[in-house]
């Protein structure tokens, strides 16, 4: 009786670093978890706290209730905390919460809040404000909603920048969504600066450090692998940009995957090398899940390719700074 063992084909995985959670996402998730610790169930969250179904489902299991509008919160629960997502909200939302006598916590990423403040400063200085971003994204809605309707002009493409006609004789200024493609945005900015040499730029780059770092890591890895997998949600702007960056860097196959069960294995037949990264709202456990799925079909070796170090962290809202997480209380 012959005993034949079919060996797995080899697969070298280049694991991009940095990847996954950024400081703003980590802070937003902490805010929900600590609010549940302090105030009990339920805690309401307006919009997905971050764009990742695994994270949202995990928080739902702990007692978070997600709504799209404050009107969805039962009238008898207006004393329960409501948390605004990391993407930021228009000014009208906290105003609405106050009108309903709701207690709210703001989980807006501080780097998004920085863009909000820039918009307000430009308006106070009587500048016409252009926002480079994607229509309909919650961050864009929140940023445009810092000023009266019609005040901020959205620029999505280089064609938009070429065709834009100022509404007045006011000086121009631009701000950007924090999760854009660095290269695409540079092209749009170049068009604006060519047409309007005096346009006022952000004091410091609006595209956040995490978006930039994750794109740079992908640019480094993508040209040398057969395929690139980005772990992230389809409604996550920064995850979509990572997939696009890999394609443009020369990777023939670049796919966005939420969970291992979503892998289309026919895409990876004959592969010998794979790049792997994760969007800023994707937890590391999903990266490990993807690696384990490939390990079942391939003889996997993993090498981490690091292009930057990240040490940034953000303070929590003062209302939650006295809360000791349950896991720390148990071990402390």
C-alpha atoms as a PDB file:
ATOM      1  CA  UNK A   1       0.000   0.000   0.000  1.00  0.00           C
ATOM      2  CA  UNK A   2       1.629   3.213  -1.117  1.00  0.00           C
ATOM      3  CA  UNK A   3       1.490   6.281   1.083  1.00  0.00           C
ATOM      4  CA  UNK A   4       1.658   9.419  -1.033  1.00  0.00           C
ATOM      5  CA  UNK A   5       1.559  12.870   0.450  1.00  0.00           C
ATOM      6  CA  UNK A   6       0.823  15.780  -1.823  1.00  0.00           C
ATOM      7  CA  UNK A   7       2.983  18.722  -0.813  1.00  0.00           C
ATOM      8  CA  UNK A   8       1.569  22.216  -0.731  1.00  0.00           C
ATOM      9  CA  UNK A   9       2.932  24.766  -3.195  1.00  0.00           C
ATOM     10  CA  UNK A  10       5.209  27.371  -1.605  1.00  0.00           C
ATOM     11  CA  UNK A  11       3.921  30.893  -0.990  1.00  0.00           C
ATOM     12  CA  UNK A  12       5.969  33.787   0.300  1.00  0.00           C
ATOM     13  CA  UNK A  13       3.846  36.435   2.062  1.00  0.00           C
ATOM     14  CA  UNK A  14       5.228  39.960   2.396  1.00  0.00           C
ATOM     15  CA  UNK A  15       3.359  41.489   5.317  1.00  0.00           C
ATOM     16  CA  UNK A  16       3.219  45.268   5.016  1.00  0.00           C
ATOM     17  CA  UNK A  17       3.964  47.365   8.070  1.00  0.00           C
ATOM     18  CA  UNK A  18       2.443  49.657   9.128  1.00  0.00           C
ATOM     19  CA  UNK A  19      -1.008  48.169   8.492  1.00  0.00           C
ATOM     20  CA  UNK A  20      -4.349  47.967  10.223  1.00  0.00           C
ATOM     21  CA  UNK A  21      -5.622  50.120  13.054  1.00  0.00           C
ATOM     22  CA  UNK A  22      -4.481  53.731  13.239  1.00  0.00           C
ATOM     23  CA  UNK A  23      -4.581  55.883  16.371  1.00  0.00           C
ATOM     24  CA  UNK A  24      -7.902  57.508  15.411  1.00  0.00           C
ATOM     25  CA  UNK A  25      -9.638  54.163  14.865  1.00  0.00           C
ATOM     26  CA  UNK A  26      -8.179  52.708  18.048  1.00  0.00           C
ATOM     27  CA  UNK A  27      -9.407  55.748  20.015  1.00  0.00           C
ATOM     28  CA  UNK A  28     -12.909  55.569  18.521  1.00  0.00           C
ATOM     29  CA  UNK A  29     -13.320  51.886  19.398  1.00  0.00           C
ATOM     30  CA  UNK A  30     -12.003  52.549  22.908  1.00  0.00           C
ATOM     31  CA  UNK A  31     -14.577  55.309  23.346  1.00  0.00           C
ATOM     32  CA  UNK A  32     -17.431  52.879  22.632  1.00  0.00           C
ATOM     33  CA  UNK A  33     -15.987  50.166  24.860  1.00  0.00           C
ATOM     34  CA  UNK A  34     -15.266  52.533  27.767  1.00  0.00           C
ATOM     35  CA  UNK A  35     -18.691  54.155  27.449  1.00  0.00           C
ATOM     36  CA  UNK A  36     -20.235  50.700  27.815  1.00  0.00           C
ATOM     37  CA  UNK A  37     -18.061  50.127  30.908  1.00  0.00           C
ATOM     38  CA  UNK A  38     -19.086  53.428  32.478  1.00  0.00           C
ATOM     39  CA  UNK A  39     -22.721  53.826  31.468  1.00  0.00           C
ATOM     40  CA  UNK A  40     -23.834  50.251  30.767  1.00  0.00           C
ATOM     41  CA  UNK A  41     -26.000  48.994  27.917  1.00  0.00           C
ATOM     42  CA  UNK A  42     -27.149  50.361  25.573  1.00  0.00           C
ATOM     43  CA  UNK A  43     -24.754  52.934  24.173  1.00  0.00           C
ATOM     44  CA  UNK A  44     -25.890  54.422  20.871  1.00  0.00           C
ATOM     45  CA  UNK A  45     -23.490  55.073  18.005  1.00  0.00           C
ATOM     46  CA  UNK A  46     -24.407  57.291  15.068  1.00  0.00           C
ATOM     47  CA  UNK A  47     -23.133  55.577  11.899  1.00  0.00           C
ATOM     48  CA  UNK A  48     -20.567  52.758  11.947  1.00  0.00           C
ATOM     49  CA  UNK A  49     -17.920  53.821  14.459  1.00  0.00           C
ATOM     50  CA  UNK A  50     -15.356  52.737  11.851  1.00  0.00           C
ATOM     51  CA  UNK A  51     -15.941  51.088   8.489  1.00  0.00           C
ATOM     52  CA  UNK A  52     -15.450  47.452   9.419  1.00  0.00           C
ATOM     53  CA  UNK A  53     -18.292  44.939   9.873  1.00  0.00           C
ATOM     54  CA  UNK A  54     -16.239  42.667  12.177  1.00  0.00           C
ATOM     55  CA  UNK A  55     -15.547  45.578  14.539  1.00  0.00           C
ATOM     56  CA  UNK A  56     -19.132  46.836  14.418  1.00  0.00           C
ATOM     57  CA  UNK A  57     -20.586  43.366  15.047  1.00  0.00           C
ATOM     58  CA  UNK A  58     -18.217  42.913  18.001  1.00  0.00           C
ATOM     59  CA  UNK A  59     -19.391  46.165  19.560  1.00  0.00           C
ATOM     60  CA  UNK A  60     -23.037  45.258  18.915  1.00  0.00           C
ATOM     61  CA  UNK A  61     -22.476  42.052  20.882  1.00  0.00           C
ATOM     62  CA  UNK A  62     -21.193  44.137  23.811  1.00  0.00           C
ATOM     63  CA  UNK A  63     -24.265  46.377  23.802  1.00  0.00           C
ATOM     64  CA  UNK A  64     -23.681  49.130  21.260  1.00  0.00           C
ATOM     65  CA  UNK A  65     -26.694  50.081  19.133  1.00  0.00           C
ATOM     66  CA  UNK A  66     -25.889  51.624  15.759  1.00  0.00           C
ATOM     67  CA  UNK A  67     -28.197  54.194  14.153  1.00  0.00           C
ATOM     68  CA  UNK A  68     -27.885  56.414  11.118  1.00  0.00           C
ATOM     69  CA  UNK A  69     -29.875  59.329  12.552  1.00  0.00           C
ATOM     70  CA  UNK A  70     -30.534  60.554  16.072  1.00  0.00           C
ATOM     71  CA  UNK A  71     -34.290  60.311  15.445  1.00  0.00           C
ATOM     72  CA  UNK A  72     -33.921  56.510  15.509  1.00  0.00           C
ATOM     73  CA  UNK A  73     -33.031  56.589  19.224  1.00  0.00           C
ATOM     74  CA  UNK A  74     -36.146  55.854  21.334  1.00  0.00           C
ATOM     75  CA  UNK A  75     -37.508  58.923  23.120  1.00  0.00           C
ATOM     76  CA  UNK A  76     -37.118  57.191  26.478  1.00  0.00           C
ATOM     77  CA  UNK A  77     -33.397  56.617  25.910  1.00  0.00           C
ATOM     78  CA  UNK A  78     -32.309  60.207  25.327  1.00  0.00           C
ATOM     79  CA  UNK A  79     -30.326  60.092  28.591  1.00  0.00           C
ATOM     80  CA  UNK A  80     -28.172  57.273  27.191  1.00  0.00           C
ATOM     81  CA  UNK A  81     -24.839  58.222  25.605  1.00  0.00           C
ATOM     82  CA  UNK A  82     -24.740  58.647  21.837  1.00  0.00           C
ATOM     83  CA  UNK A  83     -21.322  58.501  20.174  1.00  0.00           C
ATOM     84  CA  UNK A  84     -20.385  60.205  16.914  1.00  0.00           C
ATOM     85  CA  UNK A  85     -18.223  58.084  14.597  1.00  0.00           C
ATOM     86  CA  UNK A  86     -14.530  58.558  13.827  1.00  0.00           C
ATOM     87  CA  UNK A  87     -15.420  60.102  10.451  1.00  0.00           C
ATOM     88  CA  UNK A  88     -16.850  63.269  12.018  1.00  0.00           C
ATOM     89  CA  UNK A  89     -20.284  64.831  11.694  1.00  0.00           C
ATOM     90  CA  UNK A  90     -21.770  68.089  10.402  1.00  0.00           C
ATOM     91  CA  UNK A  91     -22.354  70.819  12.997  1.00  0.00           C
ATOM     92  CA  UNK A  92     -26.071  70.159  12.695  1.00  0.00           C
ATOM     93  CA  UNK A  93     -25.706  66.763  14.421  1.00  0.00           C
ATOM     94  CA  UNK A  94     -24.478  67.923  17.863  1.00  0.00           C
ATOM     95  CA  UNK A  95     -26.960  70.787  17.598  1.00  0.00           C
ATOM     96  CA  UNK A  96     -29.716  68.226  17.019  1.00  0.00           C
ATOM     97  CA  UNK A  97     -28.456  66.162  19.985  1.00  0.00           C
ATOM     98  CA  UNK A  98     -28.586  69.208  22.233  1.00  0.00           C
ATOM     99  CA  UNK A  99     -32.097  70.041  21.048  1.00  0.00           C
ATOM    100  CA  UNK A 100     -33.153  66.501  22.001  1.00  0.00           C
ATOM    101  CA  UNK A 101     -31.409  66.793  25.417  1.00  0.00           C
ATOM    102  CA  UNK A 102     -29.063  63.961  24.466  1.00  0.00           C
ATOM    103  CA  UNK A 103     -25.703  63.280  26.101  1.00  0.00           C
ATOM    104  CA  UNK A 104     -23.098  62.720  23.382  1.00  0.00           C
ATOM    105  CA  UNK A 105     -19.456  61.722  23.098  1.00  0.00           C
ATOM    106  CA  UNK A 106     -17.474  62.728  20.033  1.00  0.00           C
ATOM    107  CA  UNK A 107     -15.206  60.000  18.618  1.00  0.00           C
ATOM    108  CA  UNK A 108     -14.183  62.085  15.595  1.00  0.00           C
ATOM    109  CA  UNK A 109     -10.542  61.408  14.759  1.00  0.00           C
ATOM    110  CA  UNK A 110      -8.491  64.426  15.916  1.00  0.00           C
ATOM    111  CA  UNK A 111      -6.918  64.613  12.452  1.00  0.00           C
ATOM    112  CA  UNK A 112     -10.386  64.985  10.925  1.00  0.00           C
ATOM    113  CA  UNK A 113     -11.205  67.634  13.538  1.00  0.00           C
ATOM    114  CA  UNK A 114      -8.088  69.457  12.377  1.00  0.00           C
ATOM    115  CA  UNK A 115      -9.552  69.678   8.857  1.00  0.00           C
ATOM    116  CA  UNK A 116     -12.848  70.936  10.310  1.00  0.00           C
ATOM    117  CA  UNK A 117     -11.008  73.736  12.093  1.00  0.00           C
ATOM    118  CA  UNK A 118      -9.104  74.629   8.917  1.00  0.00           C
ATOM    119  CA  UNK A 119     -12.399  75.017   7.040  1.00  0.00           C
ATOM    120  CA  UNK A 120     -13.725  77.296   9.756  1.00  0.00           C
ATOM    121  CA  UNK A 121     -10.551  79.408   9.817  1.00  0.00           C
ATOM    122  CA  UNK A 122     -10.573  79.849   6.037  1.00  0.00           C
ATOM    123  CA  UNK A 123     -14.205  80.915   6.191  1.00  0.00           C
ATOM    124  CA  UNK A 124     -13.519  83.435   8.964  1.00  0.00           C
ATOM    125  CA  UNK A 125     -10.706  84.856   6.880  1.00  0.00           C
ATOM    126  CA  UNK A 126     -13.146  85.215   3.997  1.00  0.00           C
ATOM    127  CA  UNK A 127     -11.563  82.629   1.727  1.00  0.00           C
ATOM    128  CA  UNK A 128     -13.454  80.437  -0.703  1.00  0.00           C
ATOM    129  CA  UNK A 129     -12.984  76.850   0.493  1.00  0.00           C
ATOM    130  CA  UNK A 130     -12.375  73.878  -1.824  1.00  0.00           C
ATOM    131  CA  UNK A 131     -12.503  70.358  -0.363  1.00  0.00           C
ATOM    132  CA  UNK A 132     -10.688  67.580  -2.229  1.00  0.00           C
ATOM    133  CA  UNK A 133     -12.553  64.370  -1.451  1.00  0.00           C
ATOM    134  CA  UNK A 134     -15.155  61.775  -2.444  1.00  0.00           C
ATOM    135  CA  UNK A 135     -18.815  62.766  -2.602  1.00  0.00           C
ATOM    136  CA  UNK A 136     -21.035  60.980  -0.116  1.00  0.00           C
ATOM    137  CA  UNK A 137     -18.262  59.787   2.192  1.00  0.00           C
ATOM    138  CA  UNK A 138     -19.191  60.468   5.851  1.00  0.00           C
ATOM    139  CA  UNK A 139     -15.965  62.407   6.421  1.00  0.00           C
ATOM    140  CA  UNK A 140     -16.702  64.678   3.461  1.00  0.00           C
ATOM    141  CA  UNK A 141     -20.295  65.196   4.613  1.00  0.00           C
ATOM    142  CA  UNK A 142     -19.014  66.092   8.079  1.00  0.00           C
ATOM    143  CA  UNK A 143     -16.366  68.493   6.813  1.00  0.00           C
ATOM    144  CA  UNK A 144     -18.680  70.285   4.378  1.00  0.00           C
ATOM    145  CA  UNK A 145     -21.220  70.490   7.186  1.00  0.00           C
ATOM    146  CA  UNK A 146     -18.920  72.647   9.307  1.00  0.00           C
ATOM    147  CA  UNK A 147     -19.950  75.635   7.201  1.00  0.00           C
ATOM    148  CA  UNK A 148     -23.322  76.785   5.808  1.00  0.00           C
ATOM    149  CA  UNK A 149     -24.643  74.767   2.867  1.00  0.00           C
ATOM    150  CA  UNK A 150     -23.072  75.802  -0.434  1.00  0.00           C
ATOM    151  CA  UNK A 151     -20.012  77.365   1.209  1.00  0.00           C
ATOM    152  CA  UNK A 152     -17.589  74.493   0.520  1.00  0.00           C
ATOM    153  CA  UNK A 153     -16.971  73.355  -3.071  1.00  0.00           C
ATOM    154  CA  UNK A 154     -16.157  69.650  -3.541  1.00  0.00           C
ATOM    155  CA  UNK A 155     -13.341  68.750  -5.953  1.00  0.00           C
ATOM    156  CA  UNK A 156     -13.146  65.012  -6.732  1.00  0.00           C
ATOM    157  CA  UNK A 157     -10.917  64.805  -9.816  1.00  0.00           C
ATOM    158  CA  UNK A 158      -8.332  66.671 -11.856  1.00  0.00           C
ATOM    159  CA  UNK A 159     -11.123  67.482 -14.336  1.00  0.00           C
ATOM    160  CA  UNK A 160     -13.067  69.113 -11.501  1.00  0.00           C
ATOM    161  CA  UNK A 161      -9.987  71.163 -10.669  1.00  0.00           C
ATOM    162  CA  UNK A 162      -9.535  72.156 -14.330  1.00  0.00           C
ATOM    163  CA  UNK A 163     -13.164  73.212 -14.727  1.00  0.00           C
ATOM    164  CA  UNK A 164     -13.707  74.933 -11.390  1.00  0.00           C
ATOM    165  CA  UNK A 165     -14.732  78.563 -11.602  1.00  0.00           C
ATOM    166  CA  UNK A 166     -14.458  80.669  -8.438  1.00  0.00           C
ATOM    167  CA  UNK A 167     -17.754  81.990  -7.130  1.00  0.00           C
ATOM    168  CA  UNK A 168     -16.353  85.357  -6.055  1.00  0.00           C
ATOM    169  CA  UNK A 169     -13.247  87.501  -5.851  1.00  0.00           C
ATOM    170  CA  UNK A 170     -12.335  85.973  -2.482  1.00  0.00           C
ATOM    171  CA  UNK A 171      -8.928  84.271  -2.100  1.00  0.00           C
ATOM    172  CA  UNK A 172      -9.041  80.490  -2.534  1.00  0.00           C
ATOM    173  CA  UNK A 173      -7.976  77.800  -0.047  1.00  0.00           C
ATOM    174  CA  UNK A 174      -8.122  74.020  -0.209  1.00  0.00           C
ATOM    175  CA  UNK A 175      -8.433  71.259   2.353  1.00  0.00           C
ATOM    176  CA  UNK A 176      -8.604  67.487   1.807  1.00  0.00           C
ATOM    177  CA  UNK A 177     -10.251  64.343   3.069  1.00  0.00           C
ATOM    178  CA  UNK A 178      -7.767  62.480   5.304  1.00  0.00           C
ATOM    179  CA  UNK A 179      -8.009  59.075   3.567  1.00  0.00           C
ATOM    180  CA  UNK A 180      -7.307  59.908  -0.080  1.00  0.00           C
ATOM    181  CA  UNK A 181      -4.746  58.523  -2.488  1.00  0.00           C
ATOM    182  CA  UNK A 182      -1.600  60.551  -1.924  1.00  0.00           C
ATOM    183  CA  UNK A 183      -0.739  60.487  -5.647  1.00  0.00           C
ATOM    184  CA  UNK A 184      -4.245  61.332  -6.880  1.00  0.00           C
ATOM    185  CA  UNK A 185      -4.466  64.231  -4.470  1.00  0.00           C
ATOM    186  CA  UNK A 186      -1.058  65.529  -5.532  1.00  0.00           C
ATOM    187  CA  UNK A 187      -2.297  65.613  -9.132  1.00  0.00           C
ATOM    188  CA  UNK A 188      -5.417  67.566  -8.197  1.00  0.00           C
ATOM    189  CA  UNK A 189      -3.421  69.995  -6.065  1.00  0.00           C
ATOM    190  CA  UNK A 190      -0.959  70.539  -8.920  1.00  0.00           C
ATOM    191  CA  UNK A 191      -3.826  71.536 -11.227  1.00  0.00           C
ATOM    192  CA  UNK A 192      -5.273  73.935  -8.655  1.00  0.00           C
ATOM    193  CA  UNK A 193      -1.899  75.519  -7.941  1.00  0.00           C
ATOM    194  CA  UNK A 194      -1.196  75.899 -11.643  1.00  0.00           C
ATOM    195  CA  UNK A 195      -4.530  77.641 -12.205  1.00  0.00           C
ATOM    196  CA  UNK A 196      -4.552  79.573  -8.922  1.00  0.00           C
ATOM    197  CA  UNK A 197      -0.933  80.184  -7.806  1.00  0.00           C
ATOM    198  CA  UNK A 198      -2.045  82.034  -4.667  1.00  0.00           C
ATOM    199  CA  UNK A 199      -4.359  79.274  -3.399  1.00  0.00           C
ATOM    200  CA  UNK A 200      -3.786  78.676   0.316  1.00  0.00           C
ATOM    201  CA  UNK A 201      -2.638  75.144   1.182  1.00  0.00           C
ATOM    202  CA  UNK A 202      -3.062  73.374   4.533  1.00  0.00           C
ATOM    203  CA  UNK A 203      -0.451  74.391   7.095  1.00  0.00           C
ATOM    204  CA  UNK A 204       0.271  70.677   7.481  1.00  0.00           C
ATOM    205  CA  UNK A 205      -0.746  67.893   5.079  1.00  0.00           C
ATOM    206  CA  UNK A 206      -4.413  66.918   5.585  1.00  0.00           C
ATOM    207  CA  UNK A 207      -4.001  63.329   4.357  1.00  0.00           C
ATOM    208  CA  UNK A 208      -3.260  61.607   7.647  1.00  0.00           C
ATOM    209  CA  UNK A 209      -0.006  59.918   8.606  1.00  0.00           C
ATOM    210  CA  UNK A 210      -1.654  56.468   8.699  1.00  0.00           C
ATOM    211  CA  UNK A 211      -3.073  56.748   5.169  1.00  0.00           C
ATOM    212  CA  UNK A 212       0.306  57.918   3.857  1.00  0.00           C
ATOM    213  CA  UNK A 213       2.305  55.242   5.685  1.00  0.00           C
ATOM    214  CA  UNK A 214       0.071  52.379   4.575  1.00  0.00           C
ATOM    215  CA  UNK A 215       0.183  53.519   0.954  1.00  0.00           C
ATOM    216  CA  UNK A 216       3.976  53.828   1.046  1.00  0.00           C
ATOM    217  CA  UNK A 217       4.303  50.287   2.408  1.00  0.00           C
ATOM    218  CA  UNK A 218       2.094  48.955  -0.402  1.00  0.00           C
ATOM    219  CA  UNK A 219       4.109  50.853  -3.029  1.00  0.00           C
ATOM    220  CA  UNK A 220       7.244  49.196  -1.677  1.00  0.00           C
ATOM    221  CA  UNK A 221       5.854  45.645  -1.709  1.00  0.00           C
ATOM    222  CA  UNK A 222       3.435  45.568  -4.672  1.00  0.00           C
ATOM    223  CA  UNK A 223       5.950  45.578  -7.563  1.00  0.00           C
ATOM    224  CA  UNK A 224       7.693  42.444  -6.230  1.00  0.00           C
ATOM    225  CA  UNK A 225       4.688  40.157  -5.589  1.00  0.00           C
ATOM    226  CA  UNK A 226       2.264  38.221  -7.778  1.00  0.00           C
ATOM    227  CA  UNK A 227      -0.823  39.482  -5.958  1.00  0.00           C
ATOM    228  CA  UNK A 228      -1.814  41.910  -3.217  1.00  0.00           C
ATOM    229  CA  UNK A 229      -4.562  41.340  -0.651  1.00  0.00           C
ATOM    230  CA  UNK A 230      -5.947  44.327   1.238  1.00  0.00           C
ATOM    231  CA  UNK A 231      -7.958  43.392   4.304  1.00  0.00           C
ATOM    232  CA  UNK A 232     -10.770  45.910   4.660  1.00  0.00           C
ATOM    233  CA  UNK A 233     -14.369  46.849   3.965  1.00  0.00           C
ATOM    234  CA  UNK A 234     -15.682  48.037   0.587  1.00  0.00           C
ATOM    235  CA  UNK A 235     -17.001  51.250   2.184  1.00  0.00           C
ATOM    236  CA  UNK A 236     -13.605  52.015   3.730  1.00  0.00           C
ATOM    237  CA  UNK A 237     -11.998  54.800   1.704  1.00  0.00           C
ATOM    238  CA  UNK A 238      -8.447  54.164   2.906  1.00  0.00           C
ATOM    239  CA  UNK A 239      -8.775  50.419   2.172  1.00  0.00           C
ATOM    240  CA  UNK A 240     -10.016  51.062  -1.367  1.00  0.00           C
ATOM    241  CA  UNK A 241      -7.105  53.433  -1.942  1.00  0.00           C
ATOM    242  CA  UNK A 242      -4.628  50.742  -0.852  1.00  0.00           C
ATOM    243  CA  UNK A 243      -6.012  48.357  -3.468  1.00  0.00           C
ATOM    244  CA  UNK A 244      -5.717  51.059  -6.142  1.00  0.00           C
ATOM    245  CA  UNK A 245      -2.174  51.930  -5.064  1.00  0.00           C
ATOM    246  CA  UNK A 246      -1.119  48.290  -5.444  1.00  0.00           C
ATOM    247  CA  UNK A 247      -2.557  48.141  -8.963  1.00  0.00           C
ATOM    248  CA  UNK A 248      -0.783  51.318 -10.002  1.00  0.00           C
ATOM    249  CA  UNK A 249       2.473  50.067  -8.513  1.00  0.00           C
ATOM    250  CA  UNK A 250       2.403  47.181 -10.976  1.00  0.00           C
ATOM    251  CA  UNK A 251       0.708  44.356  -9.089  1.00  0.00           C
ATOM    252  CA  UNK A 252      -1.397  42.414 -11.603  1.00  0.00           C
ATOM    253  CA  UNK A 253      -3.902  41.134  -9.042  1.00  0.00           C
ATOM    254  CA  UNK A 254      -5.011  43.417  -6.227  1.00  0.00           C
ATOM    255  CA  UNK A 255      -8.119  42.520  -4.223  1.00  0.00           C
ATOM    256  CA  UNK A 256     -10.001  43.900  -1.247  1.00  0.00           C
ATOM    257  CA  UNK A 257     -11.184  41.173   1.137  1.00  0.00           C
ATOM    258  CA  UNK A 258     -13.206  41.482   4.347  1.00  0.00           C
ATOM    259  CA  UNK A 259     -12.846  37.920   5.687  1.00  0.00           C
ATOM    260  CA  UNK A 260     -11.087  34.691   4.722  1.00  0.00           C
ATOM    261  CA  UNK A 261     -14.428  33.285   3.566  1.00  0.00           C
ATOM    262  CA  UNK A 262     -14.443  35.960   0.830  1.00  0.00           C
ATOM    263  CA  UNK A 263     -11.241  34.712  -0.827  1.00  0.00           C
ATOM    264  CA  UNK A 264     -11.757  33.682  -4.447  1.00  0.00           C
ATOM    265  CA  UNK A 265      -9.130  30.960  -4.620  1.00  0.00           C
ATOM    266  CA  UNK A 266      -9.064  30.806  -8.415  1.00  0.00           C
ATOM    267  CA  UNK A 267      -7.438  34.270  -8.330  1.00  0.00           C
ATOM    268  CA  UNK A 268      -4.414  32.815  -6.545  1.00  0.00           C
ATOM    269  CA  UNK A 269      -3.695  29.668  -8.545  1.00  0.00           C
ATOM    270  CA  UNK A 270      -0.031  29.395  -9.414  1.00  0.00           C
ATOM    271  CA  UNK A 271       0.927  32.246  -7.084  1.00  0.00           C
ATOM    272  CA  UNK A 272       4.365  32.155  -5.465  1.00  0.00           C
ATOM    273  CA  UNK A 273       4.374  35.524  -3.708  1.00  0.00           C
ATOM    274  CA  UNK A 274       1.685  37.572  -2.010  1.00  0.00           C
ATOM    275  CA  UNK A 275       1.588  41.027  -0.483  1.00  0.00           C
ATOM    276  CA  UNK A 276      -0.740  41.501   2.479  1.00  0.00           C
ATOM    277  CA  UNK A 277      -1.885  44.686   4.188  1.00  0.00           C
ATOM    278  CA  UNK A 278      -4.934  46.001   6.039  1.00  0.00           C
ATOM    279  CA  UNK A 279      -6.863  49.236   5.977  1.00  0.00           C
ATOM    280  CA  UNK A 280      -6.818  51.508   9.020  1.00  0.00           C
ATOM    281  CA  UNK A 281     -10.147  50.164  10.305  1.00  0.00           C
ATOM    282  CA  UNK A 282      -9.298  46.443   9.953  1.00  0.00           C
ATOM    283  CA  UNK A 283      -8.174  44.601  13.111  1.00  0.00           C
ATOM    284  CA  UNK A 284      -5.063  42.419  13.144  1.00  0.00           C
ATOM    285  CA  UNK A 285      -7.122  39.312  13.914  1.00  0.00           C
ATOM    286  CA  UNK A 286      -8.525  39.470  10.357  1.00  0.00           C
ATOM    287  CA  UNK A 287      -4.991  39.617   8.923  1.00  0.00           C
ATOM    288  CA  UNK A 288      -4.142  36.494  10.925  1.00  0.00           C
ATOM    289  CA  UNK A 289      -7.319  34.843   9.651  1.00  0.00           C
ATOM    290  CA  UNK A 290      -6.256  35.486   6.045  1.00  0.00           C
ATOM    291  CA  UNK A 291      -2.745  34.119   6.674  1.00  0.00           C
ATOM    292  CA  UNK A 292      -4.211  30.984   8.255  1.00  0.00           C
ATOM    293  CA  UNK A 293      -6.510  30.474   5.263  1.00  0.00           C
ATOM    294  CA  UNK A 294      -3.568  30.637   2.854  1.00  0.00           C
ATOM    295  CA  UNK A 295      -1.578  28.298   5.119  1.00  0.00           C
ATOM    296  CA  UNK A 296      -4.191  25.597   4.606  1.00  0.00           C
ATOM    297  CA  UNK A 297      -3.515  25.602   0.845  1.00  0.00           C
ATOM    298  CA  UNK A 298       0.104  26.741   0.611  1.00  0.00           C
ATOM    299  CA  UNK A 299       3.405  26.164   2.373  1.00  0.00           C
ATOM    300  CA  UNK A 300       3.549  29.710   3.722  1.00  0.00           C
ATOM    301  CA  UNK A 301       6.522  31.763   4.825  1.00  0.00           C
ATOM    302  CA  UNK A 302       5.866  35.249   6.181  1.00  0.00           C
ATOM    303  CA  UNK A 303       8.235  38.198   6.102  1.00  0.00           C
ATOM    304  CA  UNK A 304       7.315  41.589   7.572  1.00  0.00           C
ATOM    305  CA  UNK A 305       8.318  44.524   5.378  1.00  0.00           C
ATOM    306  CA  UNK A 306       8.368  47.671   7.519  1.00  0.00           C
ATOM    307  CA  UNK A 307       8.640  51.108   5.926  1.00  0.00           C
ATOM    308  CA  UNK A 308       7.723  53.340   8.897  1.00  0.00           C
ATOM    309  CA  UNK A 309       7.268  53.339  12.667  1.00  0.00           C
ATOM    310  CA  UNK A 310       4.065  54.673  14.221  1.00  0.00           C
ATOM    311  CA  UNK A 311       3.953  55.879  17.823  1.00  0.00           C
ATOM    312  CA  UNK A 312       1.061  58.365  17.675  1.00  0.00           C
ATOM    313  CA  UNK A 313      -1.791  58.135  20.185  1.00  0.00           C
ATOM    314  CA  UNK A 314      -4.709  60.460  20.981  1.00  0.00           C
ATOM    315  CA  UNK A 315      -6.323  61.438  24.273  1.00  0.00           C
ATOM    316  CA  UNK A 316      -9.756  60.129  25.189  1.00  0.00           C
ATOM    317  CA  UNK A 317     -12.675  62.466  25.928  1.00  0.00           C
ATOM    318  CA  UNK A 318     -12.434  63.759  29.504  1.00  0.00           C
ATOM    319  CA  UNK A 319     -15.700  61.981  30.417  1.00  0.00           C
ATOM    320  CA  UNK A 320     -13.976  58.592  29.933  1.00  0.00           C
ATOM    321  CA  UNK A 321     -10.478  59.207  31.279  1.00  0.00           C
ATOM    322  CA  UNK A 322     -11.425  57.831  34.726  1.00  0.00           C
ATOM    323  CA  UNK A 323     -12.641  54.499  33.340  1.00  0.00           C
ATOM    324  CA  UNK A 324     -10.402  51.473  33.872  1.00  0.00           C
ATOM    325  CA  UNK A 325     -11.079  48.858  31.185  1.00  0.00           C
ATOM    326  CA  UNK A 326     -12.313  45.556  32.587  1.00  0.00           C
ATOM    327  CA  UNK A 327      -9.326  43.603  31.240  1.00  0.00           C
ATOM    328  CA  UNK A 328      -6.908  45.994  32.971  1.00  0.00           C
ATOM    329  CA  UNK A 329      -8.911  45.934  36.211  1.00  0.00           C
ATOM    330  CA  UNK A 330      -8.715  42.143  36.218  1.00  0.00           C
ATOM    331  CA  UNK A 331      -4.958  42.027  35.736  1.00  0.00           C
ATOM    332  CA  UNK A 332      -3.958  45.221  37.521  1.00  0.00           C
END
